[in-house]
Amino acid sequence: MRTRIVERRFLITTGGFIGFLFVMLCFLFGSRSYSVSAAGQGESDNAESVRSFAAMGSVLTSPRCVNCHISGESPLQGDESRPHNMNVKRGLDGRGTPAMRCANCHQTENSSIAHAPPGAPDWRLPLPSMSMAWQGLSFGDLCRTLKDPAKNGGRSLPQLLDHFESERLVLWAWNPGLGRIPPPLSHDEFVAKVKQWIETGAACAQ
């Protein structure tokens, strides 16, 4: 009788220990599987984010954008991004110098004549203190510049999206006037890519 009790206690103890090991192994392998799955999802999102920005970059580096997002003080013009004919300068407020204001030629809407000065409300360049310059940058460097509040006008990612969706000078790019080529994506397609880029982590290429 005493032997049976001892045997029963041994079996219970052994069974409990084996059960504990089984639970721990399930936990460890489950955690490992989750970690691998999460890492794979992160890599997938990162790749998708970089692809989304590449589509955005095709717009941001088009003449409609890059002609004013310049590294120097003089804007460019035309589909070939040539130096501005009037040799205008950015000025202290981004709207030109006292003798050559942007509004002297750029009115609130486009001219009906091909290649005449384009127009939109408050035509201007970015401020010299926040030039938002990306002329000549790779897509990776452009992405990092665009995310940096010190270089993007102090905007968060949601504010950047709002800027792309509603800023009148941004919208002008898709209505550039006669004789000018619009960006390679429609505005709706561009905004969709911006949203996708942000939602997948706003990743940048190396």
Protein backbone atom coordinates (compact mmCIF):
# COMPACT_ATOMS: atom_id res chain seq x y z
CA MET A 1 0.00 0.00 0.00
CA ARG A 2 2.79 2.39 0.97
CA THR A 3 4.63 1.54 -2.26
CA ARG A 4 1.57 2.41 -4.37
CA ILE A 5 1.20 5.79 -2.67
CA VAL A 6 4.86 6.59 -3.35
CA GLU A 7 4.49 5.49 -6.96
CA ARG A 8 1.35 7.61 -7.36
CA ARG A 9 3.09 10.67 -5.89
CA PHE A 10 6.05 10.12 -8.22
CA LEU A 11 3.76 9.89 -11.24
CA ILE A 12 1.89 13.06 -10.22
CA THR A 13 5.14 14.96 -9.65
CA THR A 14 6.67 13.71 -12.89
CA GLY A 15 3.49 14.43 -14.84
CA GLY A 16 3.32 17.94 -13.41
CA PHE A 17 6.94 18.60 -14.33
CA ILE A 18 6.43 17.31 -17.88
CA GLY A 19 3.29 19.41 -18.19
CA PHE A 20 5.23 22.47 -17.02
CA LEU A 21 7.97 21.79 -19.58
CA PHE A 22 5.37 21.39 -22.31
CA VAL A 23 3.75 24.74 -21.44
CA MET A 24 7.14 26.50 -21.38
CA LEU A 25 8.15 25.01 -24.74
CA CYS A 26 4.86 26.12 -26.28
CA PHE A 27 5.41 29.61 -24.91
CA LEU A 28 9.00 29.81 -26.18
CA PHE A 29 8.22 28.50 -29.66
CA GLY A 30 5.07 30.61 -29.83
CA SER A 31 7.03 33.73 -28.91
CA ARG A 32 9.72 32.87 -31.45
CA SER A 33 7.09 32.33 -34.14
CA TYR A 34 5.44 35.65 -33.27
CA SER A 35 8.79 37.46 -33.33
CA VAL A 36 9.67 36.01 -36.72
CA SER A 37 6.20 36.87 -38.03
CA ALA A 38 6.40 40.43 -36.66
CA ALA A 39 9.87 40.89 -38.13
CA GLY A 40 8.66 39.64 -41.49
CA GLN A 41 5.70 42.02 -41.37
CA GLY A 42 8.03 44.89 -40.46
CA GLU A 43 10.31 44.13 -43.40
CA SER A 44 7.29 43.92 -45.71
CA ASP A 45 5.95 47.27 -44.48
CA ASN A 46 9.38 48.85 -44.83
CA ALA A 47 9.71 47.70 -48.46
CA GLU A 48 6.17 48.85 -49.23
CA SER A 49 6.89 52.22 -47.63
CA VAL A 50 10.05 52.70 -49.73
CA ARG A 51 8.12 51.79 -52.90
CA SER A 52 5.39 54.29 -52.00
CA PHE A 53 7.94 57.03 -51.54
CA ALA A 54 9.55 56.21 -54.89
CA ALA A 55 6.17 56.97 -56.49
CA MET A 56 5.95 60.19 -54.44
CA GLY A 57 9.47 61.07 -55.49
CA SER A 58 8.51 60.96 -59.17
CA VAL A 59 6.16 63.87 -58.42
CA LEU A 60 8.40 65.78 -56.02
CA THR A 61 11.31 65.75 -58.47
CA SER A 62 9.20 66.77 -61.45
CA PRO A 63 9.73 70.33 -62.75
CA ARG A 64 6.41 71.43 -61.23
CA CYS A 65 7.88 70.92 -57.76
CA VAL A 66 11.65 71.03 -58.04
CA ASN A 67 11.69 74.35 -59.94
CA CYS A 68 10.88 76.10 -56.67
CA HIS A 69 12.42 73.64 -54.17
CA ILE A 70 15.90 74.82 -55.11
CA SER A 71 19.22 74.68 -53.33
CA GLY A 72 20.19 78.23 -54.38
CA GLU A 73 18.39 81.57 -54.36
CA SER A 74 17.02 81.68 -57.92
CA PRO A 75 14.04 79.57 -59.06
CA LEU A 76 14.05 77.50 -62.21
CA GLN A 77 11.42 77.46 -64.93
CA GLY A 78 10.03 75.34 -67.74
CA ASP A 79 9.83 71.59 -68.19
CA GLU A 80 13.62 71.50 -68.62
CA SER A 81 14.21 73.33 -65.29
CA ARG A 82 16.32 76.09 -66.81
CA PRO A 83 17.40 79.24 -64.90
CA HIS A 84 14.64 81.81 -64.53
CA ASN A 85 14.63 84.30 -67.43
CA MET A 86 14.27 87.33 -65.18
CA ASN A 87 17.10 86.35 -62.82
CA VAL A 88 14.81 86.78 -59.82
CA LYS A 89 15.96 85.98 -56.27
CA ARG A 90 14.19 84.39 -53.31
CA GLY A 91 14.27 87.48 -51.09
CA LEU A 92 13.78 87.65 -47.35
CA ASP A 93 10.15 86.51 -47.42
CA GLY A 94 10.38 84.09 -50.37
CA ARG A 95 8.38 86.48 -52.56
CA GLY A 96 11.29 88.15 -54.34
CA THR A 97 13.39 91.25 -53.80
CA PRO A 98 11.92 94.78 -53.47
CA ALA A 99 12.61 95.54 -57.14
CA MET A 100 11.50 92.15 -58.48
CA ARG A 101 8.55 90.70 -56.58
CA CYS A 102 7.06 87.37 -57.66
CA ALA A 103 3.62 88.98 -57.88
CA ASN A 104 4.89 91.44 -60.50
CA CYS A 105 4.42 88.69 -63.07
CA HIS A 106 2.75 85.77 -61.26
CA GLN A 107 -0.91 86.58 -60.71
CA THR A 108 -3.49 84.57 -58.77
CA GLU A 109 -4.27 82.30 -61.75
CA ASN A 110 -2.63 81.05 -64.91
CA SER A 111 -2.50 83.11 -68.07
CA SER A 112 -4.51 81.81 -71.02
CA ILE A 113 -1.40 82.13 -73.23
CA ALA A 114 0.94 79.14 -73.56
CA HIS A 115 4.22 79.50 -71.63
CA ALA A 116 3.15 82.84 -70.12
CA PRO A 117 3.88 83.31 -66.39
CA PRO A 118 1.90 80.77 -64.36
CA GLY A 119 -0.23 81.90 -61.46
CA ALA A 120 -1.71 80.80 -58.14
CA PRO A 121 -2.63 82.66 -54.94
CA ASP A 122 0.45 83.95 -53.07
CA TRP A 123 3.05 82.74 -55.58
CA ARG A 124 6.34 82.36 -53.70
CA LEU A 125 9.40 80.31 -52.87
CA PRO A 126 9.99 78.74 -49.45
CA LEU A 127 11.56 81.07 -46.90
CA PRO A 128 15.37 81.28 -46.90
CA SER A 129 15.40 80.03 -43.30
CA MET A 130 13.34 76.99 -44.34
CA SER A 131 14.20 76.52 -48.01
CA MET A 132 12.82 72.95 -48.21
CA ALA A 133 15.43 72.34 -50.92
CA TRP A 134 15.62 68.94 -52.55
CA GLN A 135 16.93 69.74 -56.00
CA GLY A 136 19.42 67.00 -56.93
CA LEU A 137 18.76 64.75 -53.90
CA SER A 138 18.38 60.98 -54.12
CA PHE A 139 14.96 59.60 -53.16
CA GLY A 140 16.42 58.41 -49.84
CA ASP A 141 17.81 61.84 -48.96
CA LEU A 142 14.65 63.54 -50.21
CA CYS A 143 12.59 61.26 -47.96
CA ARG A 144 14.71 62.10 -44.92
CA THR A 145 14.55 65.82 -45.75
CA LEU A 146 10.77 65.67 -46.07
CA LYS A 147 10.40 63.96 -42.67
CA ASP A 148 12.66 66.43 -40.85
CA PRO A 149 10.66 69.30 -39.25
CA ALA A 150 13.80 71.42 -39.38
CA LYS A 151 13.71 71.17 -43.17
CA ASN A 152 10.02 70.72 -44.06
CA GLY A 153 8.49 73.86 -42.61
CA GLY A 154 8.09 72.45 -39.09
CA ARG A 155 5.47 69.91 -40.16
CA SER A 156 4.58 66.57 -38.62
CA LEU A 157 3.67 63.72 -40.98
CA PRO A 158 -0.11 64.41 -40.67
CA GLN A 159 0.56 68.10 -41.34
CA LEU A 160 2.69 67.15 -44.33
CA LEU A 161 -0.21 65.11 -45.70
CA ASP A 162 -2.56 68.06 -45.22
CA HIS A 163 -0.05 70.30 -47.02
CA PHE A 164 0.00 67.96 -50.01
CA GLU A 165 -3.78 67.62 -50.00
CA SER A 166 -4.85 71.25 -49.73
CA GLU A 167 -2.02 73.80 -50.17
CA ARG A 168 -2.96 75.94 -53.19
CA LEU A 169 0.57 76.13 -54.59
CA VAL A 170 0.84 72.34 -54.37
CA LEU A 171 -2.48 71.93 -56.18
CA TRP A 172 -1.28 74.29 -58.91
CA ALA A 173 1.19 71.60 -60.06
CA TRP A 174 -1.74 69.65 -61.53
CA ASN A 175 -3.05 72.75 -63.28
CA PRO A 176 0.20 74.36 -64.48
CA GLY A 177 -1.16 76.28 -67.44
CA LEU A 178 -0.76 75.85 -71.18
CA GLY A 179 2.57 74.55 -72.38
CA ARG A 180 3.61 72.81 -69.14
CA ILE A 181 3.62 69.12 -68.28
CA PRO A 182 1.89 68.14 -65.01
CA PRO A 183 3.47 65.60 -62.60
CA PRO A 184 3.51 61.92 -63.62
CA LEU A 185 0.80 60.92 -61.08
CA SER A 186 -2.62 62.49 -60.67
CA HIS A 187 -3.17 64.43 -57.44
CA ASP A 188 -5.40 61.67 -56.06
CA GLU A 189 -2.77 59.04 -56.87
CA PHE A 190 -0.07 61.14 -55.25
CA VAL A 191 -2.04 61.69 -52.04
CA ALA A 192 -2.83 57.95 -51.90
CA LYS A 193 0.90 57.19 -52.07
CA VAL A 194 1.63 59.75 -49.33
CA LYS A 195 -0.96 58.07 -47.07
CA GLN A 196 0.43 54.62 -47.86
CA TRP A 197 3.98 55.81 -47.14
CA ILE A 198 2.95 57.20 -43.74
CA GLU A 199 0.79 54.19 -42.80
CA THR A 200 3.62 51.74 -43.51
CA GLY A 201 6.12 53.59 -41.34
CA ALA A 202 7.37 56.47 -43.55
CA ALA A 203 10.52 54.48 -44.32
CA CYS A 204 13.32 55.90 -46.49
CA ALA A 205 15.66 54.16 -48.89
CA GLN A 206 19.34 54.08 -47.98
